Amino acid sequence: VMQGAGMSENSIARVTSILMSGAVVIGYLVAEGLSDAGNLALP
């Protein structure tokens, strides 16, 4: 979409970097939440 809109390669690289960083954080938070929920179920 950004290439189609004529954005510069630098801007595309920045947005891609932000998206992937966000994905890492979201993945970590979800995984930790699932792990914590699993630990609550154990006696």
PDB file of all heavy atoms in Angstrom:
ATOM      1  N   VAL A   1       0.843  -1.209   0.000  1.00  0.00           N
ATOM      2  CA  VAL A   1       0.000   0.000   0.000  1.00  0.00           C
ATOM      3  C   VAL A   1       0.875   1.254   0.000  1.00  0.00           C
ATOM      4  O   VAL A   1       0.607   2.207  -0.752  1.00  0.00           O
ATOM      5  CB  VAL A   1      -0.964  -0.009   1.211  1.00  0.00           C
ATOM      6  CG1 VAL A   1      -1.641   1.344   1.389  1.00  0.00           C
ATOM      7  CG2 VAL A   1      -2.000  -1.107   1.050  1.00  0.00           C
ATOM      8  N   MET A   2       1.916   1.251   0.822  1.00  0.00           N
ATOM      9  CA  MET A   2       2.795   2.424   0.881  1.00  0.00           C
ATOM     10  C   MET A   2       3.546   2.638  -0.427  1.00  0.00           C
ATOM     11  O   MET A   2       3.720   3.774  -0.875  1.00  0.00           O
ATOM     12  CB  MET A   2       3.774   2.291   2.052  1.00  0.00           C
ATOM     13  CG  MET A   2       3.096   2.422   3.404  1.00  0.00           C
ATOM     14  SD  MET A   2       4.236   2.360   4.796  1.00  0.00           S
ATOM     15  CE  MET A   2       4.732   0.655   4.773  1.00  0.00           C
ATOM     16  N   GLN A   3       3.976   1.547  -1.059  1.00  0.00           N
ATOM     17  CA  GLN A   3       4.645   1.680  -2.361  1.00  0.00           C
ATOM     18  C   GLN A   3       3.671   2.216  -3.395  1.00  0.00           C
ATOM     19  O   GLN A   3       4.027   3.069  -4.204  1.00  0.00           O
ATOM     20  CB  GLN A   3       5.214   0.344  -2.814  1.00  0.00           C
ATOM     21  CG  GLN A   3       6.464  -0.044  -2.078  1.00  0.00           C
ATOM     22  CD  GLN A   3       6.978  -1.418  -2.493  1.00  0.00           C
ATOM     23  OE1 GLN A   3       6.230  -2.240  -3.003  1.00  0.00           O
ATOM     24  NE2 GLN A   3       8.258  -1.652  -2.249  1.00  0.00           N
ATOM     25  N   GLY A   4       2.447   1.713  -3.361  1.00  0.00           N
ATOM     26  CA  GLY A   4       1.422   2.185  -4.298  1.00  0.00           C
ATOM     27  C   GLY A   4       1.080   3.650  -4.093  1.00  0.00           C
ATOM     28  O   GLY A   4       0.711   4.344  -5.037  1.00  0.00           O
ATOM     29  N   ALA A   5       1.213   4.110  -2.851  1.00  0.00           N
ATOM     30  CA  ALA A   5       0.919   5.507  -2.543  1.00  0.00           C
ATOM     31  C   ALA A   5       2.101   6.417  -2.847  1.00  0.00           C
ATOM     32  O   ALA A   5       2.011   7.635  -2.704  1.00  0.00           O
ATOM     33  CB  ALA A   5       0.518   5.652  -1.078  1.00  0.00           C
ATOM     34  N   GLY A   6       3.238   5.832  -3.272  1.00  0.00           N
ATOM     35  CA  GLY A   6       4.399   6.629  -3.653  1.00  0.00           C
ATOM     36  C   GLY A   6       5.264   7.098  -2.497  1.00  0.00           C
ATOM     37  O   GLY A   6       5.998   8.070  -2.630  1.00  0.00           O
ATOM     38  N   MET A   7       5.202   6.410  -1.372  1.00  0.00           N
ATOM     39  CA  MET A   7       6.050   6.784  -0.228  1.00  0.00           C
ATOM     40  C   MET A   7       7.500   6.416  -0.520  1.00  0.00           C
ATOM     41  O   MET A   7       7.783   5.513  -1.301  1.00  0.00           O
ATOM     42  CB  MET A   7       5.569   6.086   1.040  1.00  0.00           C
ATOM     43  CG  MET A   7       4.198   6.561   1.503  1.00  0.00           C
ATOM     44  SD  MET A   7       3.676   5.754   3.020  1.00  0.00           S
ATOM     45  CE  MET A   7       4.689   6.594   4.210  1.00  0.00           C
ATOM     46  N   SER A   8       8.393   7.108   0.155  1.00  0.00           N
ATOM     47  CA  SER A   8       9.824   6.851  -0.051  1.00  0.00           C
ATOM     48  C   SER A   8      10.218   5.526   0.600  1.00  0.00           C
ATOM     49  O   SER A   8       9.548   5.035   1.508  1.00  0.00           O
ATOM     50  CB  SER A   8      10.651   7.986   0.561  1.00  0.00           C
ATOM     51  OG  SER A   8      10.575   7.933   1.976  1.00  0.00           O
ATOM     52  N   GLU A   9      11.323   4.972   0.126  1.00  0.00           N
ATOM     53  CA  GLU A   9      11.815   3.708   0.694  1.00  0.00           C
ATOM     54  C   GLU A   9      12.157   3.862   2.176  1.00  0.00           C
ATOM     55  O   GLU A   9      11.956   2.945   2.960  1.00  0.00           O
ATOM     56  CB  GLU A   9      13.034   3.221  -0.078  1.00  0.00           C
ATOM     57  CG  GLU A   9      12.694   2.685  -1.451  1.00  0.00           C
ATOM     58  CD  GLU A   9      13.905   2.129  -2.163  1.00  0.00           C
ATOM     59  OE1 GLU A   9      14.869   1.709  -1.482  1.00  0.00           O
ATOM     60  OE2 GLU A   9      13.899   2.124  -3.404  1.00  0.00           O
ATOM     61  N   ASN A  10      12.658   5.018   2.554  1.00  0.00           N
ATOM     62  CA  ASN A  10      12.995   5.280   3.953  1.00  0.00           C
ATOM     63  C   ASN A  10      11.735   5.229   4.829  1.00  0.00           C
ATOM     64  O   ASN A  10      11.743   4.637   5.904  1.00  0.00           O
ATOM     65  CB  ASN A  10      13.698   6.635   4.079  1.00  0.00           C
ATOM     66  CG  ASN A  10      14.285   6.854   5.452  1.00  0.00           C
ATOM     67  OD1 ASN A  10      14.703   5.907   6.116  1.00  0.00           O
ATOM     68  ND2 ASN A  10      14.319   8.109   5.874  1.00  0.00           N
ATOM     69  N   SER A  11      10.664   5.844   4.368  1.00  0.00           N
ATOM     70  CA  SER A  11       9.408   5.833   5.129  1.00  0.00           C
ATOM     71  C   SER A  11       8.844   4.424   5.225  1.00  0.00           C
ATOM     72  O   SER A  11       8.356   4.014   6.285  1.00  0.00           O
ATOM     73  CB  SER A  11       8.376   6.747   4.470  1.00  0.00           C
ATOM     74  OG  SER A  11       8.799   8.082   4.514  1.00  0.00           O
ATOM     75  N   ILE A  12       8.920   3.683   4.143  1.00  0.00           N
ATOM     76  CA  ILE A  12       8.423   2.298   4.133  1.00  0.00           C
ATOM     77  C   ILE A  12       9.211   1.452   5.120  1.00  0.00           C
ATOM     78  O   ILE A  12       8.641   0.679   5.882  1.00  0.00           O
ATOM     79  CB  ILE A  12       8.484   1.707   2.710  1.00  0.00           C
ATOM     80  CG1 ILE A  12       7.483   2.435   1.798  1.00  0.00           C
ATOM     81  CG2 ILE A  12       8.199   0.218   2.729  1.00  0.00           C
ATOM     82  CD1 ILE A  12       7.620   2.095   0.331  1.00  0.00           C
ATOM     83  N   ALA A  13      10.533   1.627   5.137  1.00  0.00           N
ATOM     84  CA  ALA A  13      11.382   0.875   6.065  1.00  0.00           C
ATOM     85  C   ALA A  13      11.040   1.208   7.516  1.00  0.00           C
ATOM     86  O   ALA A  13      11.005   0.322   8.379  1.00  0.00           O
ATOM     87  CB  ALA A  13      12.851   1.154   5.790  1.00  0.00           C
ATOM     88  N   ARG A  14      10.773   2.468   7.778  1.00  0.00           N
ATOM     89  CA  ARG A  14      10.418   2.875   9.148  1.00  0.00           C
ATOM     90  C   ARG A  14       9.095   2.254   9.582  1.00  0.00           C
ATOM     91  O   ARG A  14       8.977   1.743  10.692  1.00  0.00           O
ATOM     92  CB  ARG A  14      10.328   4.395   9.241  1.00  0.00           C
ATOM     93  CG  ARG A  14      11.663   5.067   9.255  1.00  0.00           C
ATOM     94  CD  ARG A  14      11.511   6.548   9.414  1.00  0.00           C
ATOM     95  NE  ARG A  14      12.821   7.175   9.402  1.00  0.00           N
ATOM     96  CZ  ARG A  14      13.009   8.438   9.674  1.00  0.00           C
ATOM     97  NH1 ARG A  14      11.988   9.220   9.954  1.00  0.00           N
ATOM     98  NH2 ARG A  14      14.226   8.939   9.658  1.00  0.00           N
ATOM     99  N   VAL A  15       8.093   2.323   8.735  1.00  0.00           N
ATOM    100  CA  VAL A  15       6.784   1.765   9.081  1.00  0.00           C
ATOM    101  C   VAL A  15       6.882   0.252   9.254  1.00  0.00           C
ATOM    102  O   VAL A  15       6.319  -0.315  10.195  1.00  0.00           O
ATOM    103  CB  VAL A  15       5.719   2.139   8.024  1.00  0.00           C
ATOM    104  CG1 VAL A  15       4.417   1.397   8.264  1.00  0.00           C
ATOM    105  CG2 VAL A  15       5.483   3.642   8.033  1.00  0.00           C
ATOM    106  N   THR A  16       7.602  -0.410   8.375  1.00  0.00           N
ATOM    107  CA  THR A  16       7.798  -1.857   8.479  1.00  0.00           C
ATOM    108  C   THR A  16       8.480  -2.212   9.794  1.00  0.00           C
ATOM    109  O   THR A  16       8.078  -3.156  10.484  1.00  0.00           O
ATOM    110  CB  THR A  16       8.630  -2.374   7.291  1.00  0.00           C
ATOM    111  OG1 THR A  16       7.938  -2.063   6.076  1.00  0.00           O
ATOM    112  CG2 THR A  16       8.840  -3.864   7.370  1.00  0.00           C
ATOM    113  N   SER A  17       9.477  -1.445  10.165  1.00  0.00           N
ATOM    114  CA  SER A  17      10.184  -1.672  11.422  1.00  0.00           C
ATOM    115  C   SER A  17       9.252  -1.502  12.620  1.00  0.00           C
ATOM    116  O   SER A  17       9.274  -2.298  13.565  1.00  0.00           O
ATOM    117  CB  SER A  17      11.362  -0.700  11.527  1.00  0.00           C
ATOM    118  OG  SER A  17      11.995  -0.828  12.764  1.00  0.00           O
ATOM    119  N   ILE A  18       8.428  -0.485  12.589  1.00  0.00           N
ATOM    120  CA  ILE A  18       7.466  -0.247  13.674  1.00  0.00           C
ATOM    121  C   ILE A  18       6.459  -1.391  13.760  1.00  0.00           C
ATOM    122  O   ILE A  18       6.154  -1.876  14.858  1.00  0.00           O
ATOM    123  CB  ILE A  18       6.750   1.106  13.475  1.00  0.00           C
ATOM    124  CG1 ILE A  18       7.740   2.253  13.693  1.00  0.00           C
ATOM    125  CG2 ILE A  18       5.550   1.242  14.405  1.00  0.00           C
ATOM    126  CD1 ILE A  18       7.233   3.599  13.237  1.00  0.00           C
ATOM    127  N   LEU A  19       5.948  -1.841  12.619  1.00  0.00           N
ATOM    128  CA  LEU A  19       4.985  -2.954  12.621  1.00  0.00           C
ATOM    129  C   LEU A  19       5.593  -4.233  13.189  1.00  0.00           C
ATOM    130  O   LEU A  19       4.972  -4.920  14.008  1.00  0.00           O
ATOM    131  CB  LEU A  19       4.472  -3.217  11.204  1.00  0.00           C
ATOM    132  CG  LEU A  19       3.465  -2.226  10.647  1.00  0.00           C
ATOM    133  CD1 LEU A  19       3.184  -2.536   9.180  1.00  0.00           C
ATOM    134  CD2 LEU A  19       2.178  -2.253  11.448  1.00  0.00           C
ATOM    135  N   MET A  20       6.805  -4.547  12.776  1.00  0.00           N
ATOM    136  CA  MET A  20       7.443  -5.773  13.268  1.00  0.00           C
ATOM    137  C   MET A  20       7.789  -5.671  14.747  1.00  0.00           C
ATOM    138  O   MET A  20       7.651  -6.642  15.492  1.00  0.00           O
ATOM    139  CB  MET A  20       8.683  -6.103  12.441  1.00  0.00           C
ATOM    140  CG  MET A  20       8.350  -6.547  11.020  1.00  0.00           C
ATOM    141  SD  MET A  20       7.096  -7.861  10.924  1.00  0.00           S
ATOM    142  CE  MET A  20       7.944  -9.201  11.697  1.00  0.00           C
ATOM    143  N   SER A  21       8.199  -4.504  15.196  1.00  0.00           N
ATOM    144  CA  SER A  21       8.467  -4.313  16.622  1.00  0.00           C
ATOM    145  C   SER A  21       7.182  -4.484  17.427  1.00  0.00           C
ATOM    146  O   SER A  21       7.174  -5.109  18.484  1.00  0.00           O
ATOM    147  CB  SER A  21       9.048  -2.921  16.879  1.00  0.00           C
ATOM    148  OG  SER A  21      10.280  -2.777  16.230  1.00  0.00           O
ATOM    149  N   GLY A  22       6.099  -3.924  16.920  1.00  0.00           N
ATOM    150  CA  GLY A  22       4.806  -4.084  17.578  1.00  0.00           C
ATOM    151  C   GLY A  22       4.372  -5.542  17.609  1.00  0.00           C
ATOM    152  O   GLY A  22       3.821  -6.012  18.613  1.00  0.00           O
ATOM    153  N   ALA A  23       4.630  -6.263  16.539  1.00  0.00           N
ATOM    154  CA  ALA A  23       4.269  -7.681  16.480  1.00  0.00           C
ATOM    155  C   ALA A  23       5.027  -8.479  17.534  1.00  0.00           C
ATOM    156  O   ALA A  23       4.465  -9.361  18.185  1.00  0.00           O
ATOM    157  CB  ALA A  23       4.557  -8.241  15.086  1.00  0.00           C
ATOM    158  N   VAL A  24       6.294  -8.154  17.714  1.00  0.00           N
ATOM    159  CA  VAL A  24       7.101  -8.850  18.728  1.00  0.00           C
ATOM    160  C   VAL A  24       6.533  -8.588  20.117  1.00  0.00           C
ATOM    161  O   VAL A  24       6.374  -9.505  20.930  1.00  0.00           O
ATOM    162  CB  VAL A  24       8.579  -8.410  18.643  1.00  0.00           C
ATOM    163  CG1 VAL A  24       9.363  -8.889  19.849  1.00  0.00           C
ATOM    164  CG2 VAL A  24       9.210  -8.915  17.361  1.00  0.00           C
ATOM    165  N   VAL A  25       6.205  -7.346  20.405  1.00  0.00           N
ATOM    166  CA  VAL A  25       5.662  -6.993  21.723  1.00  0.00           C
ATOM    167  C   VAL A  25       4.307  -7.668  21.947  1.00  0.00           C
ATOM    168  O   VAL A  25       4.061  -8.249  23.004  1.00  0.00           O
ATOM    169  CB  VAL A  25       5.542  -5.460  21.873  1.00  0.00           C
ATOM    170  CG1 VAL A  25       4.762  -5.083  23.117  1.00  0.00           C
ATOM    171  CG2 VAL A  25       6.920  -4.827  21.900  1.00  0.00           C
ATOM    172  N   ILE A  26       3.436  -7.624  20.967  1.00  0.00           N
ATOM    173  CA  ILE A  26       2.116  -8.252  21.096  1.00  0.00           C
ATOM    174  C   ILE A  26       2.263  -9.759  21.284  1.00  0.00           C
ATOM    175  O   ILE A  26       1.611 -10.351  22.144  1.00  0.00           O
ATOM    176  CB  ILE A  26       1.222  -7.915  19.886  1.00  0.00           C
ATOM    177  CG1 ILE A  26       0.827  -6.438  19.936  1.00  0.00           C
ATOM    178  CG2 ILE A  26      -0.019  -8.794  19.861  1.00  0.00           C
ATOM    179  CD1 ILE A  26       0.157  -5.935  18.685  1.00  0.00           C
ATOM    180  N   GLY A  27       3.122 -10.376  20.494  1.00  0.00           N
ATOM    181  CA  GLY A  27       3.345 -11.815  20.636  1.00  0.00           C
ATOM    182  C   GLY A  27       3.856 -12.174  22.018  1.00  0.00           C
ATOM    183  O   GLY A  27       3.411 -13.146  22.635  1.00  0.00           O
ATOM    184  N   TYR A  28       4.777 -11.377  22.522  1.00  0.00           N
ATOM    185  CA  TYR A  28       5.329 -11.621  23.861  1.00  0.00           C
ATOM    186  C   TYR A  28       4.238 -11.480  24.922  1.00  0.00           C
ATOM    187  O   TYR A  28       4.120 -12.317  25.821  1.00  0.00           O
ATOM    188  CB  TYR A  28       6.474 -10.654  24.148  1.00  0.00           C
ATOM    189  CG  TYR A  28       6.995 -10.765  25.551  1.00  0.00           C
ATOM    190  CD1 TYR A  28       7.847 -11.798  25.915  1.00  0.00           C
ATOM    191  CD2 TYR A  28       6.625  -9.848  26.532  1.00  0.00           C
ATOM    192  CE1 TYR A  28       8.327 -11.915  27.210  1.00  0.00           C
ATOM    193  CE2 TYR A  28       7.092  -9.959  27.822  1.00  0.00           C
ATOM    194  CZ  TYR A  28       7.942 -10.984  28.158  1.00  0.00           C
ATOM    195  OH  TYR A  28       8.393 -11.089  29.443  1.00  0.00           O
ATOM    196  N   LEU A  29       3.451 -10.416  24.838  1.00  0.00           N
ATOM    197  CA  LEU A  29       2.403 -10.190  25.840  1.00  0.00           C
ATOM    198  C   LEU A  29       1.358 -11.294  25.838  1.00  0.00           C
ATOM    199  O   LEU A  29       0.934 -11.768  26.898  1.00  0.00           O
ATOM    200  CB  LEU A  29       1.737  -8.834  25.603  1.00  0.00           C
ATOM    201  CG  LEU A  29       2.607  -7.611  25.870  1.00  0.00           C
ATOM    202  CD1 LEU A  29       1.880  -6.339  25.456  1.00  0.00           C
ATOM    203  CD2 LEU A  29       3.014  -7.545  27.324  1.00  0.00           C
ATOM    204  N   VAL A  30       0.941 -11.724  24.659  1.00  0.00           N
ATOM    205  CA  VAL A  30      -0.044 -12.801  24.573  1.00  0.00           C
ATOM    206  C   VAL A  30       0.539 -14.100  25.119  1.00  0.00           C
ATOM    207  O   VAL A  30      -0.103 -14.810  25.897  1.00  0.00           O
ATOM    208  CB  VAL A  30      -0.554 -12.975  23.125  1.00  0.00           C
ATOM    209  CG1 VAL A  30      -1.399 -14.230  22.994  1.00  0.00           C
ATOM    210  CG2 VAL A  30      -1.348 -11.759  22.690  1.00  0.00           C
ATOM    211  N   ALA A  31       1.770 -14.411  24.738  1.00  0.00           N
ATOM    212  CA  ALA A  31       2.407 -15.644  25.215  1.00  0.00           C
ATOM    213  C   ALA A  31       2.578 -15.630  26.730  1.00  0.00           C
ATOM    214  O   ALA A  31       2.327 -16.638  27.402  1.00  0.00           O
ATOM    215  CB  ALA A  31       3.759 -15.836  24.531  1.00  0.00           C
ATOM    216  N   GLU A  32       2.997 -14.509  27.295  1.00  0.00           N
ATOM    217  CA  GLU A  32       3.149 -14.408  28.749  1.00  0.00           C
ATOM    218  C   GLU A  32       1.793 -14.513  29.445  1.00  0.00           C
ATOM    219  O   GLU A  32       1.683 -15.119  30.504  1.00  0.00           O
ATOM    220  CB  GLU A  32       3.832 -13.093  29.130  1.00  0.00           C
ATOM    221  CG  GLU A  32       5.315 -13.112  28.896  1.00  0.00           C
ATOM    222  CD  GLU A  32       6.021 -14.156  29.749  1.00  0.00           C
ATOM    223  OE1 GLU A  32       5.829 -14.181  30.975  1.00  0.00           O
ATOM    224  OE2 GLU A  32       6.774 -14.952  29.174  1.00  0.00           O
ATOM    225  N   GLY A  33       0.779 -13.915  28.862  1.00  0.00           N
ATOM    226  CA  GLY A  33      -0.563 -14.016  29.432  1.00  0.00           C
ATOM    227  C   GLY A  33      -1.052 -15.452  29.459  1.00  0.00           C
ATOM    228  O   GLY A  33      -1.635 -15.912  30.447  1.00  0.00           O
ATOM    229  N   LEU A  34      -0.818 -16.171  28.371  1.00  0.00           N
ATOM    230  CA  LEU A  34      -1.214 -17.583  28.320  1.00  0.00           C
ATOM    231  C   LEU A  34      -0.417 -18.403  29.327  1.00  0.00           C
ATOM    232  O   LEU A  34      -0.960 -19.285  29.993  1.00  0.00           O
ATOM    233  CB  LEU A  34      -1.005 -18.138  26.911  1.00  0.00           C
ATOM    234  CG  LEU A  34      -1.934 -17.589  25.841  1.00  0.00           C
ATOM    235  CD1 LEU A  34      -1.507 -18.085  24.461  1.00  0.00           C
ATOM    236  CD2 LEU A  34      -3.364 -17.989  26.124  1.00  0.00           C
ATOM    237  N   SER A  35       0.861 -18.103  29.453  1.00  0.00           N
ATOM    238  CA  SER A  35       1.704 -18.804  30.413  1.00  0.00           C
ATOM    239  C   SER A  35       1.233 -18.539  31.845  1.00  0.00           C
ATOM    240  O   SER A  35       1.125 -19.453  32.658  1.00  0.00           O
ATOM    241  CB  SER A  35       3.156 -18.359  30.245  1.00  0.00           C
ATOM    242  OG  SER A  35       3.967 -18.936  31.218  1.00  0.00           O
ATOM    243  N   ASP A  36       0.946 -17.281  32.146  1.00  0.00           N
ATOM    244  CA  ASP A  36       0.464 -16.931  33.481  1.00  0.00           C
ATOM    245  C   ASP A  36      -0.880 -17.588  33.773  1.00  0.00           C
ATOM    246  O   ASP A  36      -1.112 -18.065  34.876  1.00  0.00           O
ATOM    247  CB  ASP A  36       0.345 -15.414  33.629  1.00  0.00           C
ATOM    248  CG  ASP A  36       1.702 -14.723  33.655  1.00  0.00           C
ATOM    249  OD1 ASP A  36       2.720 -15.428  33.844  1.00  0.00           O
ATOM    250  OD2 ASP A  36       1.736 -13.498  33.482  1.00  0.00           O
ATOM    251  N   ALA A  37      -1.752 -17.614  32.796  1.00  0.00           N
ATOM    252  CA  ALA A  37      -3.058 -18.245  32.982  1.00  0.00           C
ATOM    253  C   ALA A  37      -2.895 -19.741  33.226  1.00  0.00           C
ATOM    254  O   ALA A  37      -3.597 -20.323  34.048  1.00  0.00           O
ATOM    255  CB  ALA A  37      -3.948 -18.008  31.763  1.00  0.00           C
ATOM    256  N   GLY A  38      -1.949 -20.367  32.541  1.00  0.00           N
ATOM    257  CA  GLY A  38      -1.687 -21.791  32.745  1.00  0.00           C
ATOM    258  C   GLY A  38      -1.129 -22.059  34.125  1.00  0.00           C
ATOM    259  O   GLY A  38      -1.458 -23.066  34.756  1.00  0.00           O
ATOM    260  N   ASN A  39      -0.291 -21.157  34.625  1.00  0.00           N
ATOM    261  CA  ASN A  39       0.276 -21.320  35.958  1.00  0.00           C
ATOM    262  C   ASN A  39      -0.774 -21.166  37.046  1.00  0.00           C
ATOM    263  O   ASN A  39      -0.672 -21.769  38.101  1.00  0.00           O
ATOM    264  CB  ASN A  39       1.415 -20.330  36.190  1.00  0.00           C
ATOM    265  CG  ASN A  39       2.654 -20.696  35.395  1.00  0.00           C
ATOM    266  OD1 ASN A  39       2.847 -21.847  35.019  1.00  0.00           O
ATOM    267  ND2 ASN A  39       3.485 -19.707  35.123  1.00  0.00           N
ATOM    268  N   LEU A  40      -1.799 -20.368  36.817  1.00  0.00           N
ATOM    269  CA  LEU A  40      -2.864 -20.206  37.806  1.00  0.00           C
ATOM    270  C   LEU A  40      -3.670 -21.486  37.967  1.00  0.00           C
ATOM    271  O   LEU A  40      -4.190 -21.770  39.044  1.00  0.00           O
ATOM    272  CB  LEU A  40      -3.799 -19.062  37.405  1.00  0.00           C
ATOM    273  CG  LEU A  40      -3.221 -17.664  37.506  1.00  0.00           C
ATOM    274  CD1 LEU A  40      -4.239 -16.652  36.981  1.00  0.00           C
ATOM    275  CD2 LEU A  40      -2.834 -17.322  38.932  1.00  0.00           C
ATOM    276  N   ALA A  41      -3.756 -22.251  36.907  1.00  0.00           N
ATOM    277  CA  ALA A  41      -4.548 -23.480  36.932  1.00  0.00           C
ATOM    278  C   ALA A  41      -3.830 -24.604  37.671  1.00  0.00           C
ATOM    279  O   ALA A  41      -4.450 -25.560  38.109  1.00  0.00           O
ATOM    280  CB  ALA A  41      -4.874 -23.920  35.512  1.00  0.00           C
ATOM    281  N   LEU A  42      -2.502 -24.493  37.832  1.00  0.00           N
ATOM    282  CA  LEU A  42      -1.740 -25.539  38.508  1.00  0.00           C
ATOM    283  C   LEU A  42      -1.799 -25.339  40.017  1.00  0.00           C
ATOM    284  O   LEU A  42      -1.683 -24.225  40.506  1.00  0.00           O
ATOM    285  CB  LEU A  42      -0.273 -25.493  38.055  1.00  0.00           C
ATOM    286  CG  LEU A  42      -0.018 -25.776  36.582  1.00  0.00           C
ATOM    287  CD1 LEU A  42       1.457 -25.572  36.268  1.00  0.00           C
ATOM    288  CD2 LEU A  42      -0.434 -27.184  36.228  1.00  0.00           C
ATOM    289  N   PRO A  43      -1.959 -26.420  40.766  1.00  0.00           N
ATOM    290  CA  PRO A  43      -1.966 -26.274  42.223  1.00  0.00           C
ATOM    291  C   PRO A  43      -0.564 -25.957  42.731  1.00  0.00           C
ATOM    292  O   PRO A  43       0.431 -26.367  42.134  1.00  0.00           O
ATOM    293  CB  PRO A  43      -2.431 -27.643  42.711  1.00  0.00           C
ATOM    294  CG  PRO A  43      -2.064 -28.585  41.612  1.00  0.00           C
ATOM    295  CD  PRO A  43      -2.177 -27.784  40.329  1.00  0.00           C
TER     296      PRO A  43
END
